[in-house]
């Protein structure tokens, strides 16, 4: 009975060690994914601000060209 219980305890300890190792790998993967997402959010924000500014400048240039060349008056 004691040998059986020792074998069962050893097997349970091995399973626990494997689960802990698996959880560590999952945590590393989760944190790496979160870091990549954070970096992508920063890049997206920068690109969005750049495109909004370019859009504003292009619209302003088009209005100025229309006023200057087309005789557009308000």
C-alpha atoms as a PDB file:
ATOM      1  CA  UNK A   1       0.000   0.000   0.000  1.00  0.00           C
ATOM      2  CA  UNK A   2       2.791   2.389   0.885  1.00  0.00           C
ATOM      3  CA  UNK A   3       4.681   1.695  -2.367  1.00  0.00           C
ATOM      4  CA  UNK A   4       1.513   2.329  -4.353  1.00  0.00           C
ATOM      5  CA  UNK A   5       0.917   5.582  -2.544  1.00  0.00           C
ATOM      6  CA  UNK A   6       4.543   6.651  -3.110  1.00  0.00           C
ATOM      7  CA  UNK A   7       4.208   5.927  -6.845  1.00  0.00           C
ATOM      8  CA  UNK A   8       0.948   7.865  -6.964  1.00  0.00           C
ATOM      9  CA  UNK A   9       2.512  10.831  -5.149  1.00  0.00           C
ATOM     10  CA  UNK A  10       5.508  10.772  -7.491  1.00  0.00           C
ATOM     11  CA  UNK A  11       3.239  10.704 -10.530  1.00  0.00           C
ATOM     12  CA  UNK A  12       1.194  13.598  -9.142  1.00  0.00           C
ATOM     13  CA  UNK A  13       4.386  15.572  -8.485  1.00  0.00           C
ATOM     14  CA  UNK A  14       5.516  14.980 -12.073  1.00  0.00           C
ATOM     15  CA  UNK A  15       2.140  16.142 -13.377  1.00  0.00           C
ATOM     16  CA  UNK A  16       2.328  19.246 -11.197  1.00  0.00           C
ATOM     17  CA  UNK A  17       5.826  20.070 -12.488  1.00  0.00           C
ATOM     18  CA  UNK A  18       4.660  19.664 -16.088  1.00  0.00           C
ATOM     19  CA  UNK A  19       1.648  21.921 -15.452  1.00  0.00           C
ATOM     20  CA  UNK A  20       3.844  24.588 -13.874  1.00  0.00           C
ATOM     21  CA  UNK A  21       6.222  24.419 -16.831  1.00  0.00           C
ATOM     22  CA  UNK A  22       3.306  24.667 -19.258  1.00  0.00           C
ATOM     23  CA  UNK A  23       1.876  27.673 -17.375  1.00  0.00           C
ATOM     24  CA  UNK A  24       5.252  29.418 -17.488  1.00  0.00           C
ATOM     25  CA  UNK A  25       5.392  28.965 -21.257  1.00  0.00           C
ATOM     26  CA  UNK A  26       1.822  30.247 -21.598  1.00  0.00           C
ATOM     27  CA  UNK A  27       2.644  33.317 -19.483  1.00  0.00           C
ATOM     28  CA  UNK A  28       5.690  34.071 -21.637  1.00  0.00           C
ATOM     29  CA  UNK A  29       3.551  33.775 -24.762  1.00  0.00           C
ATOM     30  CA  UNK A  30       0.828  36.017 -23.329  1.00  0.00           C
ATOM     31  CA  UNK A  31       3.279  38.733 -22.299  1.00  0.00           C
ATOM     32  CA  UNK A  32       5.053  38.606 -25.657  1.00  0.00           C
ATOM     33  CA  UNK A  33       1.705  38.959 -27.431  1.00  0.00           C
ATOM     34  CA  UNK A  34       0.697  41.887 -25.231  1.00  0.00           C
ATOM     35  CA  UNK A  35       4.009  43.629 -25.964  1.00  0.00           C
ATOM     36  CA  UNK A  36       3.526  43.179 -29.719  1.00  0.00           C
ATOM     37  CA  UNK A  37      -0.017  44.546 -29.495  1.00  0.00           C
ATOM     38  CA  UNK A  38       1.162  47.548 -27.490  1.00  0.00           C
ATOM     39  CA  UNK A  39       3.855  48.268 -30.079  1.00  0.00           C
ATOM     40  CA  UNK A  40       1.321  47.972 -32.898  1.00  0.00           C
ATOM     41  CA  UNK A  41      -1.021  50.381 -31.122  1.00  0.00           C
ATOM     42  CA  UNK A  42       1.782  52.946 -30.862  1.00  0.00           C
ATOM     43  CA  UNK A  43       2.594  52.545 -34.560  1.00  0.00           C
ATOM     44  CA  UNK A  44      -1.074  52.826 -35.526  1.00  0.00           C
ATOM     45  CA  UNK A  45      -1.496  56.021 -33.481  1.00  0.00           C
ATOM     46  CA  UNK A  46       1.590  57.582 -35.075  1.00  0.00           C
ATOM     47  CA  UNK A  47       0.449  56.649 -38.586  1.00  0.00           C
ATOM     48  CA  UNK A  48      -3.072  57.912 -37.938  1.00  0.00           C
ATOM     49  CA  UNK A  49      -1.811  61.303 -36.737  1.00  0.00           C
ATOM     50  CA  UNK A  50       0.468  61.545 -39.776  1.00  0.00           C
ATOM     51  CA  UNK A  51      -2.364  60.750 -42.199  1.00  0.00           C
ATOM     52  CA  UNK A  52      -4.712  63.257 -40.556  1.00  0.00           C
ATOM     53  CA  UNK A  53      -2.068  65.976 -40.838  1.00  0.00           C
ATOM     54  CA  UNK A  54      -1.377  65.121 -44.482  1.00  0.00           C
ATOM     55  CA  UNK A  55      -5.109  65.163 -45.228  1.00  0.00           C
ATOM     56  CA  UNK A  56      -5.441  68.599 -43.633  1.00  0.00           C
ATOM     57  CA  UNK A  57      -2.473  69.968 -45.587  1.00  0.00           C
ATOM     58  CA  UNK A  58      -3.730  68.579 -48.890  1.00  0.00           C
ATOM     59  CA  UNK A  59      -7.229  69.997 -48.333  1.00  0.00           C
ATOM     60  CA  UNK A  60      -5.757  73.373 -47.385  1.00  0.00           C
ATOM     61  CA  UNK A  61      -3.564  73.368 -50.502  1.00  0.00           C
ATOM     62  CA  UNK A  62      -6.562  72.475 -52.707  1.00  0.00           C
ATOM     63  CA  UNK A  63      -8.632  75.331 -51.244  1.00  0.00           C
ATOM     64  CA  UNK A  64      -5.776  77.797 -51.721  1.00  0.00           C
ATOM     65  CA  UNK A  65      -5.280  76.669 -55.324  1.00  0.00           C
ATOM     66  CA  UNK A  66      -9.011  77.051 -56.006  1.00  0.00           C
ATOM     67  CA  UNK A  67      -9.009  80.548 -54.518  1.00  0.00           C
ATOM     68  CA  UNK A  68      -5.882  81.637 -56.370  1.00  0.00           C
ATOM     69  CA  UNK A  69      -6.489  80.094 -59.799  1.00  0.00           C
ATOM     70  CA  UNK A  70     -10.239  79.673 -59.954  1.00  0.00           C
ATOM     71  CA  UNK A  71     -11.307  82.996 -58.607  1.00  0.00           C
ATOM     72  CA  UNK A  72     -13.314  81.337 -55.844  1.00  0.00           C
ATOM     73  CA  UNK A  73     -14.754  83.945 -53.506  1.00  0.00           C
ATOM     74  CA  UNK A  74     -16.630  83.520 -50.260  1.00  0.00           C
END
